[in-house]
N, C-alpha and C. Protein backbone atom coordinates (compact mmCIF):
# COMPACT_ATOMS: atom_id res chain seq x y z
N MET A 1 77.44 85.26 -33.66
CA MET A 1 77.93 84.35 -32.64
C MET A 1 79.39 84.04 -32.89
N ASP A 2 80.08 83.84 -31.82
CA ASP A 2 81.50 83.57 -31.89
C ASP A 2 81.71 82.07 -31.71
N TRP A 3 82.29 81.39 -32.71
CA TRP A 3 82.47 79.93 -32.67
C TRP A 3 83.92 79.56 -32.43
N ARG A 4 84.51 80.10 -31.43
CA ARG A 4 85.89 79.75 -31.11
C ARG A 4 85.92 78.44 -30.32
N PRO A 5 86.97 77.64 -30.54
CA PRO A 5 87.07 76.40 -29.75
C PRO A 5 87.26 76.72 -28.27
N VAL A 6 86.61 75.95 -27.46
CA VAL A 6 86.64 76.16 -26.02
C VAL A 6 87.66 75.22 -25.41
N SER A 7 88.51 75.75 -24.60
CA SER A 7 89.49 74.92 -23.91
C SER A 7 88.83 74.32 -22.66
N TYR A 8 88.98 73.02 -22.45
CA TYR A 8 88.37 72.36 -21.29
C TYR A 8 89.04 72.79 -19.99
N ARG A 9 90.24 73.28 -20.09
CA ARG A 9 90.92 73.72 -18.87
C ARG A 9 90.29 74.98 -18.29
N SER A 10 89.68 75.75 -19.12
CA SER A 10 89.06 76.98 -18.64
C SER A 10 87.69 76.73 -18.02
N CYS A 11 87.11 75.59 -18.32
CA CYS A 11 85.79 75.26 -17.79
C CYS A 11 85.92 74.66 -16.39
N SER A 12 84.92 74.87 -15.61
CA SER A 12 84.92 74.25 -14.29
C SER A 12 84.52 72.79 -14.42
N ARG A 13 84.81 72.02 -13.43
CA ARG A 13 84.52 70.60 -13.47
C ARG A 13 83.02 70.32 -13.53
N GLN A 14 82.24 71.20 -12.98
CA GLN A 14 80.80 70.98 -12.93
C GLN A 14 80.15 71.04 -14.31
N LEU A 15 80.79 71.69 -15.23
CA LEU A 15 80.21 71.81 -16.56
C LEU A 15 80.50 70.60 -17.44
N HIS A 16 81.43 69.75 -17.03
CA HIS A 16 81.71 68.55 -17.81
C HIS A 16 80.61 67.53 -17.59
N PRO A 17 80.23 66.85 -18.64
CA PRO A 17 79.20 65.83 -18.45
C PRO A 17 79.75 64.68 -17.59
N ARG A 18 78.99 64.31 -16.62
CA ARG A 18 79.41 63.21 -15.76
C ARG A 18 79.16 61.88 -16.45
N GLN A 19 79.88 60.91 -16.00
CA GLN A 19 79.68 59.58 -16.55
C GLN A 19 78.31 59.09 -16.08
N ARG A 20 77.45 58.74 -17.00
CA ARG A 20 76.09 58.38 -16.63
C ARG A 20 76.04 57.02 -15.93
N TYR A 21 76.78 56.08 -16.43
CA TYR A 21 76.73 54.74 -15.87
C TYR A 21 78.13 54.33 -15.41
N PRO A 22 78.22 53.65 -14.28
CA PRO A 22 79.54 53.21 -13.83
C PRO A 22 80.09 52.12 -14.75
N HIS A 23 81.36 51.93 -14.69
CA HIS A 23 82.01 50.92 -15.52
C HIS A 23 81.52 49.53 -15.11
N PRO A 24 81.19 48.67 -16.07
CA PRO A 24 80.65 47.34 -15.73
C PRO A 24 81.57 46.51 -14.84
N ALA A 25 82.87 46.64 -15.01
CA ALA A 25 83.79 45.85 -14.18
C ALA A 25 83.66 46.24 -12.71
N GLY A 26 83.46 47.52 -12.45
CA GLY A 26 83.28 47.97 -11.07
C GLY A 26 81.98 47.48 -10.48
N VAL A 27 80.93 47.45 -11.29
CA VAL A 27 79.63 46.95 -10.83
C VAL A 27 79.71 45.47 -10.49
N TYR A 28 80.35 44.70 -11.34
CA TYR A 28 80.47 43.26 -11.10
C TYR A 28 81.34 42.97 -9.88
N ALA A 29 82.39 43.77 -9.69
CA ALA A 29 83.25 43.57 -8.53
C ALA A 29 82.49 43.86 -7.24
N LEU A 30 81.69 44.92 -7.24
CA LEU A 30 80.88 45.26 -6.08
C LEU A 30 79.83 44.19 -5.81
N ARG A 31 79.20 43.70 -6.87
CA ARG A 31 78.19 42.64 -6.73
C ARG A 31 78.82 41.38 -6.15
N PHE A 32 80.00 41.01 -6.63
CA PHE A 32 80.70 39.83 -6.13
C PHE A 32 81.04 40.00 -4.65
N LYS A 33 81.48 41.19 -4.28
CA LYS A 33 81.84 41.46 -2.89
C LYS A 33 80.62 41.36 -1.98
N LEU A 34 79.50 41.93 -2.41
CA LEU A 34 78.28 41.90 -1.60
C LEU A 34 77.75 40.48 -1.44
N ILE A 35 77.79 39.70 -2.51
CA ILE A 35 77.32 38.32 -2.44
C ILE A 35 78.23 37.51 -1.54
N SER A 36 79.53 37.73 -1.62
CA SER A 36 80.47 37.01 -0.76
C SER A 36 80.25 37.35 0.71
N CYS A 37 80.02 38.61 1.00
CA CYS A 37 79.77 39.03 2.39
C CYS A 37 78.48 38.41 2.92
N LYS A 38 77.45 38.38 2.10
CA LYS A 38 76.16 37.82 2.53
C LYS A 38 76.28 36.32 2.78
N SER A 39 76.97 35.61 1.91
CA SER A 39 77.13 34.17 2.12
C SER A 39 78.02 33.88 3.32
N SER A 40 79.00 34.73 3.59
CA SER A 40 79.83 34.56 4.79
C SER A 40 79.01 34.72 6.05
N GLU A 41 78.11 35.70 6.06
CA GLU A 41 77.25 35.90 7.23
C GLU A 41 76.31 34.71 7.43
N LYS A 42 75.78 34.18 6.35
CA LYS A 42 74.90 33.02 6.46
C LYS A 42 75.66 31.80 6.98
N ASN A 43 76.87 31.60 6.48
CA ASN A 43 77.68 30.47 6.96
C ASN A 43 78.02 30.63 8.44
N ARG A 44 78.31 31.85 8.85
CA ARG A 44 78.63 32.10 10.26
C ARG A 44 77.42 31.80 11.15
N TYR A 45 76.23 32.19 10.70
CA TYR A 45 75.00 31.93 11.46
C TYR A 45 74.72 30.44 11.55
N GLN A 46 74.93 29.74 10.45
CA GLN A 46 74.70 28.30 10.43
C GLN A 46 75.72 27.57 11.31
N ASN A 47 76.95 28.06 11.36
CA ASN A 47 77.98 27.43 12.20
C ASN A 47 77.67 27.57 13.68
N VAL A 48 76.96 28.62 14.06
CA VAL A 48 76.55 28.77 15.46
C VAL A 48 75.73 27.56 15.89
N PHE A 49 74.83 27.11 15.04
CA PHE A 49 73.97 25.97 15.37
C PHE A 49 74.70 24.64 15.23
N THR A 50 75.64 24.56 14.33
CA THR A 50 76.43 23.34 14.18
C THR A 50 77.26 23.09 15.43
N VAL A 51 77.84 24.13 15.99
CA VAL A 51 78.66 24.01 17.20
C VAL A 51 77.79 23.57 18.39
N CYS A 52 76.54 23.98 18.39
CA CYS A 52 75.63 23.67 19.52
C CYS A 52 74.88 22.34 19.33
N ASN A 53 75.29 21.53 18.39
CA ASN A 53 74.69 20.21 18.13
C ASN A 53 73.24 20.29 17.66
N VAL A 54 72.93 21.32 16.89
CA VAL A 54 71.62 21.42 16.25
C VAL A 54 71.81 20.97 14.81
N ALA A 55 71.23 19.82 14.47
CA ALA A 55 71.41 19.25 13.13
C ALA A 55 70.20 19.55 12.25
N LEU A 56 69.65 20.73 12.40
CA LEU A 56 68.46 21.11 11.64
C LEU A 56 68.75 21.17 10.14
N ASP A 57 69.97 21.55 9.78
CA ASP A 57 70.31 21.66 8.36
C ASP A 57 70.34 20.31 7.65
N ALA A 58 70.43 19.22 8.40
CA ALA A 58 70.41 17.88 7.80
C ALA A 58 68.99 17.47 7.40
N VAL A 59 68.00 18.04 8.07
CA VAL A 59 66.61 17.67 7.82
C VAL A 59 65.94 18.67 6.87
N VAL A 60 66.24 19.93 7.06
CA VAL A 60 65.60 21.01 6.30
C VAL A 60 66.43 21.32 5.07
N SER A 61 65.77 21.54 3.94
CA SER A 61 66.51 21.85 2.72
C SER A 61 67.04 23.29 2.72
N ASP A 62 66.29 24.22 3.30
CA ASP A 62 66.72 25.62 3.35
C ASP A 62 66.76 26.07 4.81
N MET A 63 67.96 26.25 5.33
CA MET A 63 68.13 26.64 6.72
C MET A 63 67.59 28.05 6.98
N PHE A 64 67.40 28.85 5.93
CA PHE A 64 66.92 30.22 6.09
C PHE A 64 65.49 30.37 5.58
N GLY A 65 64.77 29.25 5.46
CA GLY A 65 63.37 29.29 5.06
C GLY A 65 62.50 29.72 6.22
N VAL A 66 61.20 29.73 5.99
CA VAL A 66 60.26 30.22 6.99
C VAL A 66 60.24 29.32 8.22
N SER A 67 60.11 28.02 8.01
CA SER A 67 60.03 27.09 9.14
C SER A 67 61.33 27.05 9.93
N ALA A 68 62.43 26.90 9.25
CA ALA A 68 63.73 26.82 9.93
C ALA A 68 64.05 28.13 10.64
N SER A 69 63.70 29.25 10.04
CA SER A 69 63.96 30.54 10.69
C SER A 69 63.14 30.70 11.95
N SER A 70 61.89 30.26 11.91
CA SER A 70 61.06 30.38 13.11
C SER A 70 61.57 29.46 14.22
N ILE A 71 62.07 28.28 13.88
CA ILE A 71 62.62 27.38 14.89
C ILE A 71 63.93 27.93 15.45
N THR A 72 64.80 28.43 14.60
CA THR A 72 66.07 28.98 15.10
C THR A 72 65.82 30.22 15.95
N ASP A 73 64.84 31.03 15.58
CA ASP A 73 64.50 32.19 16.41
C ASP A 73 63.98 31.74 17.78
N TYR A 74 63.18 30.68 17.79
CA TYR A 74 62.67 30.15 19.06
C TYR A 74 63.83 29.64 19.93
N ILE A 75 64.77 28.94 19.32
CA ILE A 75 65.91 28.40 20.08
C ILE A 75 66.75 29.53 20.66
N VAL A 76 67.01 30.55 19.86
CA VAL A 76 67.88 31.64 20.29
C VAL A 76 67.20 32.53 21.35
N ASN A 77 65.91 32.74 21.22
CA ASN A 77 65.22 33.69 22.10
C ASN A 77 64.58 33.08 23.33
N SER A 78 64.52 31.76 23.43
CA SER A 78 63.88 31.15 24.60
C SER A 78 64.94 30.58 25.55
N ASP A 79 64.58 30.53 26.81
CA ASP A 79 65.48 29.98 27.82
C ASP A 79 65.31 28.47 27.97
N VAL A 80 64.08 27.99 27.80
CA VAL A 80 63.77 26.57 27.96
C VAL A 80 63.29 26.02 26.63
N PHE A 81 63.82 24.88 26.22
CA PHE A 81 63.43 24.28 24.94
C PHE A 81 62.30 23.30 25.16
N ASP A 82 61.21 23.50 24.43
CA ASP A 82 60.06 22.60 24.47
C ASP A 82 59.83 22.05 23.06
N PRO A 83 60.04 20.75 22.86
CA PRO A 83 59.88 20.18 21.51
C PRO A 83 58.46 20.32 20.97
N GLU A 84 57.48 20.32 21.86
CA GLU A 84 56.09 20.44 21.42
C GLU A 84 55.80 21.84 20.85
N HIS A 85 56.58 22.82 21.25
CA HIS A 85 56.38 24.17 20.72
C HIS A 85 56.92 24.29 19.29
N CYS A 86 57.84 23.44 18.90
CA CYS A 86 58.43 23.50 17.56
C CYS A 86 57.50 22.95 16.48
N VAL A 87 56.65 22.03 16.84
CA VAL A 87 55.79 21.38 15.84
C VAL A 87 54.84 22.38 15.18
N PRO A 88 54.16 23.27 15.92
CA PRO A 88 53.28 24.23 15.23
C PRO A 88 54.04 25.27 14.39
N LEU A 89 55.33 25.41 14.60
CA LEU A 89 56.11 26.37 13.82
C LEU A 89 56.41 25.88 12.42
N LEU A 90 56.24 24.59 12.17
CA LEU A 90 56.56 24.01 10.86
C LEU A 90 55.47 24.35 9.85
N LYS A 91 55.88 24.59 8.63
CA LYS A 91 54.96 24.95 7.55
C LYS A 91 55.00 23.91 6.44
N LYS A 92 53.92 23.80 5.71
CA LYS A 92 53.74 23.00 4.50
C LYS A 92 54.34 21.60 4.58
N SER A 93 55.28 21.28 3.70
CA SER A 93 55.78 19.91 3.58
C SER A 93 56.66 19.50 4.76
N LEU A 94 57.11 20.44 5.54
CA LEU A 94 57.96 20.11 6.69
C LEU A 94 57.14 19.53 7.85
N LYS A 95 55.82 19.68 7.80
CA LYS A 95 54.96 19.10 8.84
C LYS A 95 55.07 17.58 8.84
N LYS A 96 55.34 17.00 7.67
CA LYS A 96 55.47 15.54 7.57
C LYS A 96 56.74 15.06 8.26
N LYS A 97 57.74 15.92 8.34
CA LYS A 97 59.02 15.56 8.95
C LYS A 97 59.14 16.07 10.39
N ALA A 98 58.02 16.29 11.05
CA ALA A 98 58.03 16.89 12.39
C ALA A 98 58.87 16.06 13.36
N ASP A 99 58.76 14.73 13.31
CA ASP A 99 59.53 13.88 14.23
C ASP A 99 61.03 14.01 13.97
N GLU A 100 61.43 14.06 12.69
CA GLU A 100 62.85 14.20 12.35
C GLU A 100 63.40 15.56 12.78
N VAL A 101 62.59 16.58 12.63
CA VAL A 101 63.02 17.93 13.01
C VAL A 101 63.25 18.00 14.51
N VAL A 102 62.30 17.48 15.28
CA VAL A 102 62.43 17.50 16.74
C VAL A 102 63.62 16.66 17.18
N ALA A 103 63.83 15.53 16.53
CA ALA A 103 64.97 14.68 16.88
C ALA A 103 66.31 15.36 16.55
N SER A 104 66.33 16.15 15.48
CA SER A 104 67.58 16.83 15.11
C SER A 104 67.92 17.97 16.07
N ILE A 105 66.91 18.52 16.71
CA ILE A 105 67.13 19.62 17.64
C ILE A 105 67.34 19.13 19.07
N ASP A 106 66.71 18.03 19.41
CA ASP A 106 66.73 17.54 20.79
C ASP A 106 68.15 17.25 21.25
N GLY A 107 68.47 17.70 22.45
CA GLY A 107 69.78 17.45 23.04
C GLY A 107 70.82 18.51 22.71
N PHE A 108 70.41 19.63 22.18
CA PHE A 108 71.38 20.68 21.87
C PHE A 108 71.80 21.39 23.16
N GLN A 109 72.96 22.00 23.10
CA GLN A 109 73.47 22.77 24.23
C GLN A 109 73.93 24.12 23.73
N MET A 110 73.21 25.16 24.14
CA MET A 110 73.56 26.51 23.69
C MET A 110 73.66 27.41 24.93
N THR A 111 74.83 27.99 25.10
CA THR A 111 75.04 28.88 26.23
C THR A 111 74.47 30.27 25.90
N ASP A 112 74.38 31.10 26.93
CA ASP A 112 73.88 32.46 26.72
C ASP A 112 74.80 33.26 25.80
N ALA A 113 76.09 33.03 25.92
CA ALA A 113 77.04 33.74 25.05
C ALA A 113 76.84 33.35 23.59
N GLN A 114 76.56 32.09 23.34
CA GLN A 114 76.31 31.64 21.97
C GLN A 114 75.00 32.21 21.44
N LYS A 115 74.01 32.36 22.31
CA LYS A 115 72.74 32.95 21.89
C LYS A 115 72.93 34.42 21.52
N VAL A 116 73.73 35.12 22.31
CA VAL A 116 74.01 36.52 22.01
C VAL A 116 74.75 36.63 20.68
N ARG A 117 75.71 35.75 20.47
CA ARG A 117 76.46 35.75 19.21
C ARG A 117 75.54 35.48 18.02
N ALA A 118 74.61 34.52 18.18
CA ALA A 118 73.68 34.19 17.11
C ALA A 118 72.79 35.39 16.79
N ARG A 119 72.33 36.09 17.82
CA ARG A 119 71.50 37.28 17.59
C ARG A 119 72.29 38.37 16.85
N MET A 120 73.55 38.55 17.24
CA MET A 120 74.38 39.57 16.59
C MET A 120 74.61 39.23 15.13
N VAL A 121 74.89 37.98 14.83
CA VAL A 121 75.14 37.57 13.45
C VAL A 121 73.87 37.73 12.62
N LYS A 122 72.72 37.38 13.19
CA LYS A 122 71.46 37.48 12.46
C LYS A 122 71.09 38.93 12.17
N GLU A 123 71.33 39.82 13.14
CA GLU A 123 71.01 41.24 12.94
C GLU A 123 71.94 41.89 11.93
N HIS A 124 73.15 41.41 11.84
CA HIS A 124 74.14 42.01 10.95
C HIS A 124 73.76 41.70 9.53
């Protein structure tokens, strides 16, 4: 066998071992960017309801929980608001606050353009 040193310049790029794991700084930067984008989208969605006088976030601890999401979906997708329809949408401990939830939603004004914007932000 011939044990001559091999010049890396003569080898093709495919024969070089690839870096198995990306650099940690790049991973953390990407993670930070993704988390920032996700929180920006959530803030944008929540601002849609703030502009329309929906104070659901004052009553509910998690605006993106099951109960709050079902109520916001009902508001965005329905043409007529019925407070009695919101009560069965509440889950677990939020059933005790049914009157506060209905009062926080009652009297909101959401145009069709705002509903379309809310749907677009939610899908994104």
